[in-house]
Amino acid sequence: MTTLPLTEPVVLEMPSLPRSALDELYHFLQYLQFKYNVDLELPLEALEDEIDSFDADAALQEPGETSLNNLKQELGLE
């Protein structure tokens, strides 16, 4: 088996993407991590954070949803 040299770490800056594209990119990175046995936890975590933020913003747009701060106040936690 021939071992090829590794590249230097790559840093990418990405434009805004639709939610579905974030999902595809996330799954592609998981595939690469599995196939090549490389540690892609940092980019995967960054995508997870972006997806979570997007989902939270979308949930707040739904009728009847409330912010975390409002919920805390309603429950008397603040």
N, C-alpha and C. Protein backbone atom coordinates (compact mmCIF):
# COMPACT_ATOMS: atom_id res chain seq x y z
N MET A 1 0.83 -1.17 0.00
CA MET A 1 0.00 0.00 0.00
C MET A 1 0.89 1.24 0.00
N THR A 2 0.63 2.16 -0.90
CA THR A 2 1.39 3.40 -1.00
C THR A 2 0.73 4.46 -0.13
N THR A 3 1.55 5.13 0.67
CA THR A 3 1.03 6.21 1.50
C THR A 3 1.38 7.53 0.84
N LEU A 4 0.35 8.32 0.56
CA LEU A 4 0.56 9.62 -0.06
C LEU A 4 0.77 10.68 1.01
N PRO A 5 1.52 11.72 0.69
CA PRO A 5 1.71 12.78 1.67
C PRO A 5 0.40 13.52 1.94
N LEU A 6 0.28 14.07 3.13
CA LEU A 6 -0.92 14.82 3.50
C LEU A 6 -0.77 16.28 3.10
N THR A 7 -1.88 16.92 2.87
CA THR A 7 -1.86 18.35 2.56
C THR A 7 -1.74 19.13 3.86
N GLU A 8 -1.47 20.39 3.74
CA GLU A 8 -1.52 21.28 4.89
C GLU A 8 -2.98 21.51 5.24
N PRO A 9 -3.28 21.87 6.50
CA PRO A 9 -4.67 22.17 6.85
C PRO A 9 -5.24 23.27 5.95
N VAL A 10 -6.52 23.14 5.62
CA VAL A 10 -7.19 24.08 4.73
C VAL A 10 -8.25 24.83 5.52
N VAL A 11 -8.29 26.14 5.35
CA VAL A 11 -9.32 26.96 5.97
C VAL A 11 -10.18 27.53 4.84
N LEU A 12 -11.49 27.33 4.97
CA LEU A 12 -12.42 27.80 3.94
C LEU A 12 -13.36 28.84 4.53
N GLU A 13 -13.66 29.83 3.73
CA GLU A 13 -14.68 30.80 4.09
C GLU A 13 -15.84 30.56 3.13
N MET A 14 -17.04 30.36 3.70
CA MET A 14 -18.17 30.00 2.86
C MET A 14 -19.21 31.12 2.87
N PRO A 15 -19.91 31.26 1.76
CA PRO A 15 -21.01 32.24 1.72
C PRO A 15 -22.20 31.68 2.50
N SER A 16 -23.22 32.52 2.68
CA SER A 16 -24.46 32.05 3.30
C SER A 16 -25.05 30.94 2.45
N LEU A 17 -25.54 29.91 3.12
CA LEU A 17 -26.09 28.76 2.42
C LEU A 17 -27.50 28.46 2.91
N PRO A 18 -28.34 27.88 2.06
CA PRO A 18 -29.64 27.43 2.52
C PRO A 18 -29.48 26.28 3.53
N ARG A 19 -30.47 26.09 4.35
CA ARG A 19 -30.43 25.04 5.39
C ARG A 19 -30.15 23.68 4.79
N SER A 20 -30.78 23.37 3.65
CA SER A 20 -30.57 22.05 3.02
C SER A 20 -29.12 21.86 2.59
N ALA A 21 -28.46 22.94 2.15
CA ALA A 21 -27.05 22.84 1.76
C ALA A 21 -26.17 22.58 2.98
N LEU A 22 -26.52 23.19 4.12
CA LEU A 22 -25.77 22.93 5.36
C LEU A 22 -25.87 21.46 5.74
N ASP A 23 -27.06 20.89 5.59
CA ASP A 23 -27.24 19.46 5.89
C ASP A 23 -26.37 18.60 4.97
N GLU A 24 -26.38 18.91 3.69
CA GLU A 24 -25.59 18.13 2.74
C GLU A 24 -24.10 18.24 3.04
N LEU A 25 -23.65 19.46 3.34
CA LEU A 25 -22.24 19.66 3.67
C LEU A 25 -21.87 18.91 4.94
N TYR A 26 -22.74 18.95 5.94
CA TYR A 26 -22.50 18.24 7.19
C TYR A 26 -22.34 16.73 6.92
N HIS A 27 -23.26 16.16 6.15
CA HIS A 27 -23.19 14.72 5.87
C HIS A 27 -21.99 14.37 5.01
N PHE A 28 -21.61 15.25 4.11
CA PHE A 28 -20.42 15.01 3.28
C PHE A 28 -19.16 14.98 4.15
N LEU A 29 -19.06 15.92 5.10
CA LEU A 29 -17.91 15.92 6.01
C LEU A 29 -17.88 14.65 6.87
N GLN A 30 -19.05 14.20 7.30
CA GLN A 30 -19.11 12.95 8.06
C GLN A 30 -18.60 11.79 7.21
N TYR A 31 -19.00 11.77 5.95
CA TYR A 31 -18.55 10.73 5.02
C TYR A 31 -17.03 10.76 4.87
N LEU A 32 -16.48 11.97 4.67
CA LEU A 32 -15.03 12.09 4.52
C LEU A 32 -14.30 11.65 5.79
N GLN A 33 -14.86 12.03 6.92
CA GLN A 33 -14.26 11.65 8.20
C GLN A 33 -14.19 10.13 8.32
N PHE A 34 -15.27 9.47 7.95
CA PHE A 34 -15.33 8.01 8.03
C PHE A 34 -14.43 7.36 6.99
N LYS A 35 -14.54 7.81 5.74
CA LYS A 35 -13.81 7.17 4.64
C LYS A 35 -12.29 7.30 4.81
N TYR A 36 -11.82 8.48 5.22
CA TYR A 36 -10.38 8.72 5.29
C TYR A 36 -9.84 8.70 6.71
N ASN A 37 -10.72 8.40 7.67
CA ASN A 37 -10.31 8.32 9.07
C ASN A 37 -9.54 9.56 9.51
N VAL A 38 -10.16 10.72 9.24
CA VAL A 38 -9.56 12.00 9.64
C VAL A 38 -10.47 12.67 10.66
N ASP A 39 -9.88 13.52 11.46
CA ASP A 39 -10.63 14.24 12.49
C ASP A 39 -11.21 15.52 11.90
N LEU A 40 -12.51 15.52 11.68
CA LEU A 40 -13.19 16.70 11.16
C LEU A 40 -14.20 17.23 12.19
N GLU A 41 -13.92 16.97 13.47
CA GLU A 41 -14.85 17.38 14.52
C GLU A 41 -15.05 18.88 14.58
N LEU A 42 -14.00 19.67 14.41
CA LEU A 42 -14.15 21.13 14.49
C LEU A 42 -15.06 21.68 13.39
N PRO A 43 -14.85 21.32 12.12
CA PRO A 43 -15.79 21.83 11.11
C PRO A 43 -17.20 21.27 11.30
N LEU A 44 -17.32 20.02 11.77
CA LEU A 44 -18.65 19.45 12.00
C LEU A 44 -19.36 20.21 13.12
N GLU A 45 -18.63 20.53 14.19
CA GLU A 45 -19.22 21.29 15.29
C GLU A 45 -19.63 22.68 14.84
N ALA A 46 -18.81 23.31 13.99
CA ALA A 46 -19.15 24.65 13.48
C ALA A 46 -20.44 24.58 12.66
N LEU A 47 -20.57 23.55 11.85
CA LEU A 47 -21.80 23.38 11.06
C LEU A 47 -23.00 23.09 11.96
N GLU A 48 -22.79 22.26 13.00
CA GLU A 48 -23.87 21.99 13.94
C GLU A 48 -24.36 23.27 14.60
N ASP A 49 -23.41 24.12 15.00
CA ASP A 49 -23.77 25.39 15.63
C ASP A 49 -24.58 26.26 14.68
N GLU A 50 -24.16 26.30 13.43
CA GLU A 50 -24.86 27.10 12.43
C GLU A 50 -26.26 26.54 12.18
N ILE A 51 -26.37 25.23 12.10
CA ILE A 51 -27.67 24.59 11.89
C ILE A 51 -28.58 24.84 13.09
N ASP A 52 -28.04 24.70 14.30
CA ASP A 52 -28.84 24.94 15.50
C ASP A 52 -29.33 26.37 15.55
N SER A 53 -28.46 27.31 15.22
CA SER A 53 -28.83 28.72 15.23
C SER A 53 -29.92 28.99 14.19
N PHE A 54 -29.77 28.42 13.02
CA PHE A 54 -30.76 28.58 11.96
C PHE A 54 -32.11 28.01 12.41
N ASP A 55 -32.08 26.82 13.00
CA ASP A 55 -33.32 26.18 13.44
C ASP A 55 -33.99 26.97 14.56
N ALA A 56 -33.18 27.52 15.47
CA ALA A 56 -33.73 28.32 16.57
C ALA A 56 -34.40 29.58 16.02
N ASP A 57 -33.74 30.24 15.08
CA ASP A 57 -34.34 31.43 14.47
C ASP A 57 -35.63 31.08 13.73
N ALA A 58 -35.63 29.97 13.03
CA ALA A 58 -36.83 29.54 12.30
C ALA A 58 -37.95 29.21 13.27
N ALA A 59 -37.63 28.57 14.40
CA ALA A 59 -38.65 28.21 15.38
C ALA A 59 -39.30 29.45 15.98
N LEU A 60 -38.49 30.50 16.18
CA LEU A 60 -39.04 31.73 16.75
C LEU A 60 -39.98 32.44 15.78
N GLN A 61 -39.88 32.11 14.51
CA GLN A 61 -40.77 32.70 13.50
C GLN A 61 -42.14 32.03 13.51
N GLU A 62 -42.24 30.84 14.10
CA GLU A 62 -43.50 30.12 14.13
C GLU A 62 -44.44 30.74 15.15
N PRO A 63 -45.73 30.79 14.84
CA PRO A 63 -46.69 31.37 15.78
C PRO A 63 -46.71 30.60 17.09
N GLY A 64 -46.80 31.34 18.18
CA GLY A 64 -46.88 30.70 19.49
C GLY A 64 -45.54 30.42 20.12
N GLU A 65 -44.45 30.61 19.39
CA GLU A 65 -43.13 30.37 19.94
C GLU A 65 -42.70 31.58 20.76
N THR A 66 -41.87 31.35 21.74
CA THR A 66 -41.39 32.43 22.60
C THR A 66 -39.88 32.29 22.76
N SER A 67 -39.22 33.39 23.08
CA SER A 67 -37.78 33.33 23.26
C SER A 67 -37.44 32.66 24.59
N LEU A 68 -36.21 32.23 24.73
CA LEU A 68 -35.76 31.58 25.95
C LEU A 68 -35.88 32.53 27.14
N ASN A 69 -35.53 33.81 26.92
CA ASN A 69 -35.62 34.78 28.02
C ASN A 69 -37.07 34.96 28.47
N ASN A 70 -38.01 35.05 27.53
CA ASN A 70 -39.42 35.17 27.90
C ASN A 70 -39.90 33.92 28.66
N LEU A 71 -39.45 32.75 28.23
CA LEU A 71 -39.84 31.51 28.88
C LEU A 71 -39.30 31.49 30.32
N LYS A 72 -38.04 31.90 30.49
CA LYS A 72 -37.46 31.95 31.83
C LYS A 72 -38.26 32.87 32.74
N GLN A 73 -38.65 34.04 32.22
CA GLN A 73 -39.45 34.97 33.00
C GLN A 73 -40.80 34.38 33.37
N GLU A 74 -41.43 33.71 32.40
CA GLU A 74 -42.73 33.09 32.66
C GLU A 74 -42.64 32.01 33.73
N LEU A 75 -41.52 31.31 33.76
CA LEU A 75 -41.32 30.25 34.75
C LEU A 75 -40.75 30.76 36.06
N GLY A 76 -40.47 32.07 36.10
CA GLY A 76 -39.93 32.66 37.33
C GLY A 76 -38.47 32.29 37.59
N LEU A 77 -37.74 32.01 36.53
CA LEU A 77 -36.33 31.62 36.69
C LEU A 77 -35.38 32.81 36.62
N GLU A 78 -35.91 33.98 36.33
CA GLU A 78 -35.05 35.18 36.26
C GLU A 78 -35.50 36.16 37.28
